[in-house]
Amino acid sequence: MANNMSNNMPNAGTSASGSDMKEFFIQHGVKVGAILLVVILVVIAIIHFQGSKNKADAAQAELLGPALAYEYTGKKDSALAAYEELIVSKQLKGETLAKAALLAGNIRFQNGEFDNAAILYQKALDNAGSLPLIRGGALHGQAAVAIEKKDYAAAVNLLEKFIAEFGKRTGDLEDRYEKLEPADQVPTVADAFWKLALVYNQMGYPDKAKTAAEKILKNYGDNQIYSDRAKKLIATL
């Protein structure tokens, strides 16, 4: 699934960012305008297949059902309207509210509505509790918004916070072979390192960009896509 997700996400070239930033990220093979599709798919899977602990949880999941159905069938505008109507109605609580806010934020982001997306991502964070997939998706989304708005300092802070909270892999090959290496809490840490390397390079900090790229090679050398990107970037520094 992860290998296919970049083909399913919108291109950042359609955003309002300056052409220099668009060309920079396009050149290095990353679509900054994408909040990784795996986050959406996993969140939806949790809602539909994990099962509810009690009637209250079941009722919350049922409220979200129609919006998810729109998203499944590619009706993004209808899904967004349904998510935001539920959010405004205050019928959703806690984790379900956080999921709706994250999914609505992703659609707003894909539409190039970055300020609205940022508000929704913050609402997701405020209600996610300790759920790593929701928190991770919202933090990743906020970082992407900062990149699109050329607020690179904020992007760096958000990406480093994301990596510190969710990145657990050590790059120890012996531990990995013995299956003792800790697993990341979310599947998007390598992408966060990649964005961090690109942002540092764009800010004029090639040494920091190289360090981030080398982290990809050490911790995620088994990920062909990101290791190839990291090698190409290091060769240009």
C-alpha atoms as a PDB file:
ATOM      1  CA  MET A   1       0.000   0.000   0.000  1.00  0.00           C
ATOM      2  CA  ALA A   2       2.750   2.436   0.962  1.00  0.00           C
ATOM      3  CA  ASN A   3       4.451   2.060  -2.418  1.00  0.00           C
ATOM      4  CA  ASN A   4       1.279   3.095  -4.217  1.00  0.00           C
ATOM      5  CA  MET A   5       0.205   6.000  -2.098  1.00  0.00           C
ATOM      6  CA  SER A   6       2.214   8.698  -3.838  1.00  0.00           C
ATOM      7  CA  ASN A   7       0.344   7.907  -7.037  1.00  0.00           C
ATOM      8  CA  ASN A   8      -2.974   8.549  -5.306  1.00  0.00           C
ATOM      9  CA  MET A   9      -2.207  11.902  -3.754  1.00  0.00           C
ATOM     10  CA  PRO A  10      -2.481  15.385  -5.268  1.00  0.00           C
ATOM     11  CA  ASN A  11       0.570  17.162  -6.663  1.00  0.00           C
ATOM     12  CA  ALA A  12       1.903  20.110  -4.714  1.00  0.00           C
ATOM     13  CA  GLY A  13       2.421  21.894  -8.024  1.00  0.00           C
ATOM     14  CA  THR A  14      -1.202  22.955  -7.943  1.00  0.00           C
ATOM     15  CA  SER A  15      -0.776  24.832  -4.659  1.00  0.00           C
ATOM     16  CA  ALA A  16      -0.359  28.541  -4.074  1.00  0.00           C
ATOM     17  CA  SER A  17       3.323  28.189  -3.095  1.00  0.00           C
ATOM     18  CA  GLY A  18       6.052  29.910  -5.124  1.00  0.00           C
ATOM     19  CA  SER A  19       7.418  28.174  -8.189  1.00  0.00           C
ATOM     20  CA  ASP A  20      10.879  27.818  -6.649  1.00  0.00           C
ATOM     21  CA  MET A  21       9.534  25.672  -3.819  1.00  0.00           C
ATOM     22  CA  LYS A  22       7.391  23.617  -6.190  1.00  0.00           C
ATOM     23  CA  GLU A  23      10.312  22.909  -8.488  1.00  0.00           C
ATOM     24  CA  PHE A  24      12.563  22.053  -5.550  1.00  0.00           C
ATOM     25  CA  PHE A  25      10.282  19.400  -4.139  1.00  0.00           C
ATOM     26  CA  ILE A  26       9.229  18.053  -7.532  1.00  0.00           C
ATOM     27  CA  GLN A  27      12.895  17.695  -8.465  1.00  0.00           C
ATOM     28  CA  HIS A  28      13.522  15.545  -5.432  1.00  0.00           C
ATOM     29  CA  GLY A  29      10.540  13.301  -5.989  1.00  0.00           C
ATOM     30  CA  VAL A  30       8.250  14.203  -3.093  1.00  0.00           C
ATOM     31  CA  LYS A  31       4.739  15.587  -3.223  1.00  0.00           C
ATOM     32  CA  VAL A  32       4.606  17.896  -0.241  1.00  0.00           C
ATOM     33  CA  GLY A  33       0.896  18.410  -0.796  1.00  0.00           C
ATOM     34  CA  ALA A  34       0.241  14.832   0.321  1.00  0.00           C
ATOM     35  CA  ILE A  35      -0.716  13.700   3.765  1.00  0.00           C
ATOM     36  CA  LEU A  36       0.167  10.072   3.348  1.00  0.00           C
ATOM     37  CA  LEU A  37      -2.799   8.035   2.180  1.00  0.00           C
ATOM     38  CA  VAL A  38      -1.878   5.210   4.527  1.00  0.00           C
ATOM     39  CA  VAL A  39      -2.887   7.393   7.490  1.00  0.00           C
ATOM     40  CA  ILE A  40      -6.381   7.894   6.069  1.00  0.00           C
ATOM     41  CA  LEU A  41      -6.763   4.231   5.190  1.00  0.00           C
ATOM     42  CA  VAL A  42      -5.611   3.029   8.599  1.00  0.00           C
ATOM     43  CA  VAL A  43      -7.872   5.475  10.415  1.00  0.00           C
ATOM     44  CA  ILE A  44     -10.853   4.357   8.350  1.00  0.00           C
ATOM     45  CA  ALA A  45      -9.937   0.710   8.952  1.00  0.00           C
ATOM     46  CA  ILE A  46      -9.807   1.327  12.689  1.00  0.00           C
ATOM     47  CA  ILE A  47     -13.264   2.886  12.644  1.00  0.00           C
ATOM     48  CA  HIS A  48     -14.821   0.133  10.577  1.00  0.00           C
ATOM     49  CA  PHE A  49     -13.027  -3.011  11.661  1.00  0.00           C
ATOM     50  CA  GLN A  50     -11.704  -2.571  15.187  1.00  0.00           C
ATOM     51  CA  GLY A  51     -15.156  -2.847  16.693  1.00  0.00           C
ATOM     52  CA  SER A  52     -16.747  -0.693  19.322  1.00  0.00           C
ATOM     53  CA  LYS A  53     -16.262  -1.194  23.036  1.00  0.00           C
ATOM     54  CA  ASN A  54     -19.708   0.041  23.998  1.00  0.00           C
ATOM     55  CA  LYS A  55     -22.913   1.530  22.668  1.00  0.00           C
ATOM     56  CA  ALA A  56     -21.583   5.078  22.906  1.00  0.00           C
ATOM     57  CA  ASP A  57     -18.594   4.197  20.719  1.00  0.00           C
ATOM     58  CA  ALA A  58     -20.864   2.425  18.259  1.00  0.00           C
ATOM     59  CA  ALA A  59     -23.124   5.462  18.045  1.00  0.00           C
ATOM     60  CA  GLN A  60     -20.132   7.718  17.371  1.00  0.00           C
ATOM     61  CA  ALA A  61     -18.865   5.423  14.629  1.00  0.00           C
ATOM     62  CA  GLU A  62     -22.329   5.323  13.083  1.00  0.00           C
ATOM     63  CA  LEU A  63     -22.442   9.129  12.927  1.00  0.00           C
ATOM     64  CA  LEU A  64     -19.206   9.144  10.956  1.00  0.00           C
ATOM     65  CA  GLY A  65     -20.311   6.371   8.586  1.00  0.00           C
ATOM     66  CA  PRO A  66     -21.953   8.467   5.827  1.00  0.00           C
ATOM     67  CA  ALA A  67     -18.939  10.782   5.550  1.00  0.00           C
ATOM     68  CA  LEU A  68     -16.613   7.807   5.278  1.00  0.00           C
ATOM     69  CA  ALA A  69     -18.838   6.293   2.600  1.00  0.00           C
ATOM     70  CA  TYR A  70     -18.483   9.473   0.544  1.00  0.00           C
ATOM     71  CA  GLU A  71     -14.708   9.300   0.935  1.00  0.00           C
ATOM     72  CA  TYR A  72     -14.595   5.637  -0.061  1.00  0.00           C
ATOM     73  CA  THR A  73     -16.391   6.447  -3.303  1.00  0.00           C
ATOM     74  CA  GLY A  74     -14.199   9.454  -4.128  1.00  0.00           C
ATOM     75  CA  LYS A  75     -16.846  12.091  -3.369  1.00  0.00           C
ATOM     76  CA  LYS A  76     -14.421  14.377  -1.553  1.00  0.00           C
ATOM     77  CA  ASP A  77     -16.642  17.473  -1.541  1.00  0.00           C
ATOM     78  CA  SER A  78     -19.543  15.560  -0.031  1.00  0.00           C
ATOM     79  CA  ALA A  79     -17.238  13.899   2.495  1.00  0.00           C
ATOM     80  CA  LEU A  80     -15.813  17.267   3.545  1.00  0.00           C
ATOM     81  CA  ALA A  81     -19.272  18.769   3.970  1.00  0.00           C
ATOM     82  CA  ALA A  82     -20.378  15.791   6.053  1.00  0.00           C
ATOM     83  CA  TYR A  83     -17.268  15.842   8.261  1.00  0.00           C
ATOM     84  CA  GLU A  84     -17.509  19.565   8.922  1.00  0.00           C
ATOM     85  CA  GLU A  85     -21.254  19.454   9.546  1.00  0.00           C
ATOM     86  CA  LEU A  86     -20.651  16.818  12.210  1.00  0.00           C
ATOM     87  CA  ILE A  87     -17.818  18.817  13.745  1.00  0.00           C
ATOM     88  CA  VAL A  88     -19.917  21.982  13.961  1.00  0.00           C
ATOM     89  CA  SER A  89     -22.907  20.059  15.332  1.00  0.00           C
ATOM     90  CA  LYS A  90     -20.792  18.980  18.321  1.00  0.00           C
ATOM     91  CA  GLN A  91     -22.234  15.484  18.077  1.00  0.00           C
ATOM     92  CA  LEU A  92     -18.780  13.927  17.805  1.00  0.00           C
ATOM     93  CA  LYS A  93     -16.649  13.479  20.892  1.00  0.00           C
ATOM     94  CA  GLY A  94     -13.044  12.641  21.685  1.00  0.00           C
ATOM     95  CA  GLU A  95     -11.323  10.243  19.319  1.00  0.00           C
ATOM     96  CA  THR A  96     -14.161  10.251  16.778  1.00  0.00           C
ATOM     97  CA  LEU A  97     -14.046  14.044  16.611  1.00  0.00           C
ATOM     98  CA  ALA A  98     -10.273  13.856  16.154  1.00  0.00           C
ATOM     99  CA  LYS A  99     -10.635  11.376  13.276  1.00  0.00           C
ATOM    100  CA  ALA A 100     -13.221  13.543  11.530  1.00  0.00           C
ATOM    101  CA  ALA A 101     -11.054  16.649  11.942  1.00  0.00           C
ATOM    102  CA  LEU A 102      -7.988  14.870  10.544  1.00  0.00           C
ATOM    103  CA  LEU A 103      -9.841  13.553   7.510  1.00  0.00           C
ATOM    104  CA  ALA A 104     -11.480  16.927   6.856  1.00  0.00           C
ATOM    105  CA  GLY A 105      -8.108  18.615   7.265  1.00  0.00           C
ATOM    106  CA  ASN A 106      -6.590  16.318   4.669  1.00  0.00           C
ATOM    107  CA  ILE A 107      -9.270  17.260   2.143  1.00  0.00           C
ATOM    108  CA  ARG A 108      -8.866  20.969   2.866  1.00  0.00           C
ATOM    109  CA  PHE A 109      -5.128  20.532   2.413  1.00  0.00           C
ATOM    110  CA  GLN A 110      -5.536  18.747  -0.898  1.00  0.00           C
ATOM    111  CA  ASN A 111      -7.774  21.628  -2.010  1.00  0.00           C
ATOM    112  CA  GLY A 112      -4.989  24.091  -1.218  1.00  0.00           C
ATOM    113  CA  GLU A 113      -6.914  25.618   1.706  1.00  0.00           C
ATOM    114  CA  PHE A 114      -3.967  25.555   4.072  1.00  0.00           C
ATOM    115  CA  ASP A 115      -5.244  27.865   6.818  1.00  0.00           C
ATOM    116  CA  ASN A 116      -8.474  25.881   7.136  1.00  0.00           C
ATOM    117  CA  ALA A 117      -6.499  22.645   7.085  1.00  0.00           C
ATOM    118  CA  ALA A 118      -4.271  23.891   9.917  1.00  0.00           C
ATOM    119  CA  ILE A 119      -7.309  24.657  12.081  1.00  0.00           C
ATOM    120  CA  LEU A 120      -8.687  21.168  11.536  1.00  0.00           C
ATOM    121  CA  TYR A 121      -5.335  19.529  12.236  1.00  0.00           C
ATOM    122  CA  GLN A 122      -5.145  21.402  15.524  1.00  0.00           C
ATOM    123  CA  LYS A 123      -8.651  20.232  16.429  1.00  0.00           C
ATOM    124  CA  ALA A 124      -7.538  16.675  15.674  1.00  0.00           C
ATOM    125  CA  LEU A 125      -4.544  17.100  17.983  1.00  0.00           C
ATOM    126  CA  ASP A 126      -6.691  18.620  20.722  1.00  0.00           C
ATOM    127  CA  ASN A 127      -9.009  15.610  20.740  1.00  0.00           C
ATOM    128  CA  ALA A 128      -6.738  12.703  19.761  1.00  0.00           C
ATOM    129  CA  GLY A 129      -5.619  11.822  23.251  1.00  0.00           C
ATOM    130  CA  SER A 130      -2.733   9.382  22.973  1.00  0.00           C
ATOM    131  CA  LEU A 131      -3.792   7.836  19.638  1.00  0.00           C
ATOM    132  CA  PRO A 132      -0.533   7.851  17.644  1.00  0.00           C
ATOM    133  CA  LEU A 133      -2.107   7.529  14.191  1.00  0.00           C
ATOM    134  CA  ILE A 134      -4.317  10.566  14.708  1.00  0.00           C
ATOM    135  CA  ARG A 135      -1.666  12.642  16.466  1.00  0.00           C
ATOM    136  CA  GLY A 136       0.927  11.648  13.883  1.00  0.00           C
ATOM    137  CA  GLY A 137      -1.347  12.453  10.959  1.00  0.00           C
ATOM    138  CA  ALA A 138      -2.224  15.855  12.403  1.00  0.00           C
ATOM    139  CA  LEU A 139       1.380  16.803  13.214  1.00  0.00           C
ATOM    140  CA  HIS A 140       2.498  15.668   9.776  1.00  0.00           C
ATOM    141  CA  GLY A 141      -0.297  17.732   8.290  1.00  0.00           C
ATOM    142  CA  GLN A 142       0.715  20.832  10.227  1.00  0.00           C
ATOM    143  CA  ALA A 143       4.296  20.429   9.014  1.00  0.00           C
ATOM    144  CA  ALA A 144       3.134  20.149   5.405  1.00  0.00           C
ATOM    145  CA  VAL A 145       1.031  23.292   5.838  1.00  0.00           C
ATOM    146  CA  ALA A 146       4.082  25.133   7.180  1.00  0.00           C
ATOM    147  CA  ILE A 147       6.127  23.998   4.168  1.00  0.00           C
ATOM    148  CA  GLU A 148       3.461  25.157   1.739  1.00  0.00           C
ATOM    149  CA  LYS A 149       3.360  28.558   3.478  1.00  0.00           C
ATOM    150  CA  LYS A 150       7.183  28.731   3.421  1.00  0.00           C
ATOM    151  CA  ASP A 151       7.326  28.886   7.202  1.00  0.00           C
ATOM    152  CA  TYR A 152      10.354  26.636   7.227  1.00  0.00           C
ATOM    153  CA  ALA A 153      11.314  27.243  10.857  1.00  0.00           C
ATOM    154  CA  ALA A 154       7.864  26.060  11.966  1.00  0.00           C
ATOM    155  CA  ALA A 155       8.107  23.092   9.589  1.00  0.00           C
ATOM    156  CA  VAL A 156      11.434  22.056  11.125  1.00  0.00           C
ATOM    157  CA  ASN A 157      10.024  22.302  14.656  1.00  0.00           C
ATOM    158  CA  LEU A 158       6.971  20.247  13.761  1.00  0.00           C
ATOM    159  CA  LEU A 159       8.915  17.592  11.885  1.00  0.00           C
ATOM    160  CA  GLU A 160      11.458  17.232  14.687  1.00  0.00           C
ATOM    161  CA  LYS A 161       8.633  16.977  17.226  1.00  0.00           C
ATOM    162  CA  PHE A 162       6.966  14.328  15.065  1.00  0.00           C
ATOM    163  CA  ILE A 163      10.182  12.315  14.736  1.00  0.00           C
ATOM    164  CA  ALA A 164      10.960  12.553  18.457  1.00  0.00           C
ATOM    165  CA  GLU A 165       7.487  11.353  19.418  1.00  0.00           C
ATOM    166  CA  PHE A 166       6.924   8.608  16.866  1.00  0.00           C
ATOM    167  CA  GLY A 167      10.322   7.545  15.529  1.00  0.00           C
ATOM    168  CA  LYS A 168      11.568   4.522  17.467  1.00  0.00           C
ATOM    169  CA  ARG A 169      13.796   2.682  14.984  1.00  0.00           C
ATOM    170  CA  THR A 170      17.491   2.771  15.878  1.00  0.00           C
ATOM    171  CA  GLY A 171      19.134   1.472  12.726  1.00  0.00           C
ATOM    172  CA  ASP A 172      20.814  -1.326  14.696  1.00  0.00           C
ATOM    173  CA  LEU A 173      21.049  -4.080  12.085  1.00  0.00           C
ATOM    174  CA  GLU A 174      21.742  -6.812  14.622  1.00  0.00           C
ATOM    175  CA  ASP A 175      18.650  -5.883  16.621  1.00  0.00           C
ATOM    176  CA  ARG A 176      16.666  -5.693  13.405  1.00  0.00           C
ATOM    177  CA  TYR A 177      17.849  -9.165  12.387  1.00  0.00           C
ATOM    178  CA  GLU A 178      16.907 -10.513  15.816  1.00  0.00           C
ATOM    179  CA  LYS A 179      13.600  -8.611  15.625  1.00  0.00           C
ATOM    180  CA  LEU A 180      14.517  -6.634  18.732  1.00  0.00           C
ATOM    181  CA  GLU A 181      14.583  -3.202  17.127  1.00  0.00           C
ATOM    182  CA  PRO A 182      11.685  -1.012  18.320  1.00  0.00           C
ATOM    183  CA  ALA A 183       9.033  -0.269  15.704  1.00  0.00           C
ATOM    184  CA  ASP A 184       7.947   3.256  14.867  1.00  0.00           C
ATOM    185  CA  GLN A 185       4.552   4.191  16.265  1.00  0.00           C
ATOM    186  CA  VAL A 186       3.369   5.423  12.861  1.00  0.00           C
ATOM    187  CA  PRO A 187       4.394   4.398   9.329  1.00  0.00           C
ATOM    188  CA  THR A 188       5.379   7.893   8.145  1.00  0.00           C
ATOM    189  CA  VAL A 189       8.592   8.641  10.034  1.00  0.00           C
ATOM    190  CA  ALA A 190      10.866   8.048   7.038  1.00  0.00           C
ATOM    191  CA  ASP A 191       8.788  10.557   5.086  1.00  0.00           C
ATOM    192  CA  ALA A 192       9.156  13.081   7.920  1.00  0.00           C
ATOM    193  CA  PHE A 193      12.952  12.662   7.851  1.00  0.00           C
ATOM    194  CA  TRP A 194      12.857  13.175   4.074  1.00  0.00           C
ATOM    195  CA  LYS A 195      10.827  16.371   4.348  1.00  0.00           C
ATOM    196  CA  LEU A 196      13.181  17.560   7.113  1.00  0.00           C
ATOM    197  CA  ALA A 197      16.216  16.999   4.901  1.00  0.00           C
ATOM    198  CA  LEU A 198      14.609  18.911   2.034  1.00  0.00           C
ATOM    199  CA  VAL A 199      13.546  21.809   4.229  1.00  0.00           C
ATOM    200  CA  TYR A 200      17.006  22.115   5.769  1.00  0.00           C
ATOM    201  CA  ASN A 201      18.540  22.130   2.295  1.00  0.00           C
ATOM    202  CA  GLN A 202      16.054  24.759   1.144  1.00  0.00           C
ATOM    203  CA  MET A 203      16.945  26.903   4.189  1.00  0.00           C
ATOM    204  CA  GLY A 204      20.629  26.754   3.286  1.00  0.00           C
ATOM    205  CA  TYR A 205      21.751  24.238   5.918  1.00  0.00           C
ATOM    206  CA  PRO A 206      23.353  21.462   3.835  1.00  0.00           C
ATOM    207  CA  ASP A 207      25.072  19.860   6.851  1.00  0.00           C
ATOM    208  CA  LYS A 208      21.752  19.462   8.663  1.00  0.00           C
ATOM    209  CA  ALA A 209      20.138  18.225   5.459  1.00  0.00           C
ATOM    210  CA  LYS A 210      22.883  15.633   5.100  1.00  0.00           C
ATOM    211  CA  THR A 211      22.454  14.508   8.719  1.00  0.00           C
ATOM    212  CA  ALA A 212      18.726  13.974   8.186  1.00  0.00           C
ATOM    213  CA  ALA A 213      19.357  12.099   4.935  1.00  0.00           C
ATOM    214  CA  GLU A 214      21.967   9.910   6.639  1.00  0.00           C
ATOM    215  CA  LYS A 215      19.385   9.085   9.326  1.00  0.00           C
ATOM    216  CA  ILE A 216      17.162   7.750   6.568  1.00  0.00           C
ATOM    217  CA  LEU A 217      19.972   5.522   5.295  1.00  0.00           C
ATOM    218  CA  LYS A 218      20.775   4.276   8.798  1.00  0.00           C
ATOM    219  CA  ASN A 219      17.262   3.735  10.130  1.00  0.00           C
ATOM    220  CA  TYR A 220      15.326   3.121   6.902  1.00  0.00           C
ATOM    221  CA  GLY A 221      17.887   1.666   4.532  1.00  0.00           C
ATOM    222  CA  ASP A 222      15.454  -1.181   3.927  1.00  0.00           C
ATOM    223  CA  ASN A 223      12.978   1.291   2.431  1.00  0.00           C
ATOM    224  CA  GLN A 224      14.051   1.471  -1.204  1.00  0.00           C
ATOM    225  CA  ILE A 225      12.117   4.619  -2.056  1.00  0.00           C
ATOM    226  CA  TYR A 226      13.462   6.784   0.744  1.00  0.00           C
ATOM    227  CA  SER A 227      16.965   5.351   0.763  1.00  0.00           C
ATOM    228  CA  ASP A 228      17.283   6.085  -2.969  1.00  0.00           C
ATOM    229  CA  ARG A 229      16.053   9.625  -2.437  1.00  0.00           C
ATOM    230  CA  ALA A 230      18.444  10.157   0.463  1.00  0.00           C
ATOM    231  CA  LYS A 231      21.424   8.926  -1.572  1.00  0.00           C
ATOM    232  CA  LYS A 232      20.561  11.254  -4.453  1.00  0.00           C
ATOM    233  CA  LEU A 233      20.199  14.225  -2.125  1.00  0.00           C
ATOM    234  CA  ILE A 234      23.486  13.532  -0.337  1.00  0.00           C
ATOM    235  CA  ALA A 235      25.238  13.352  -3.723  1.00  0.00           C
ATOM    236  CA  THR A 236      24.129  16.924  -4.452  1.00  0.00           C
ATOM    237  CA  LEU A 237      25.251  18.427  -1.135  1.00  0.00           C
END
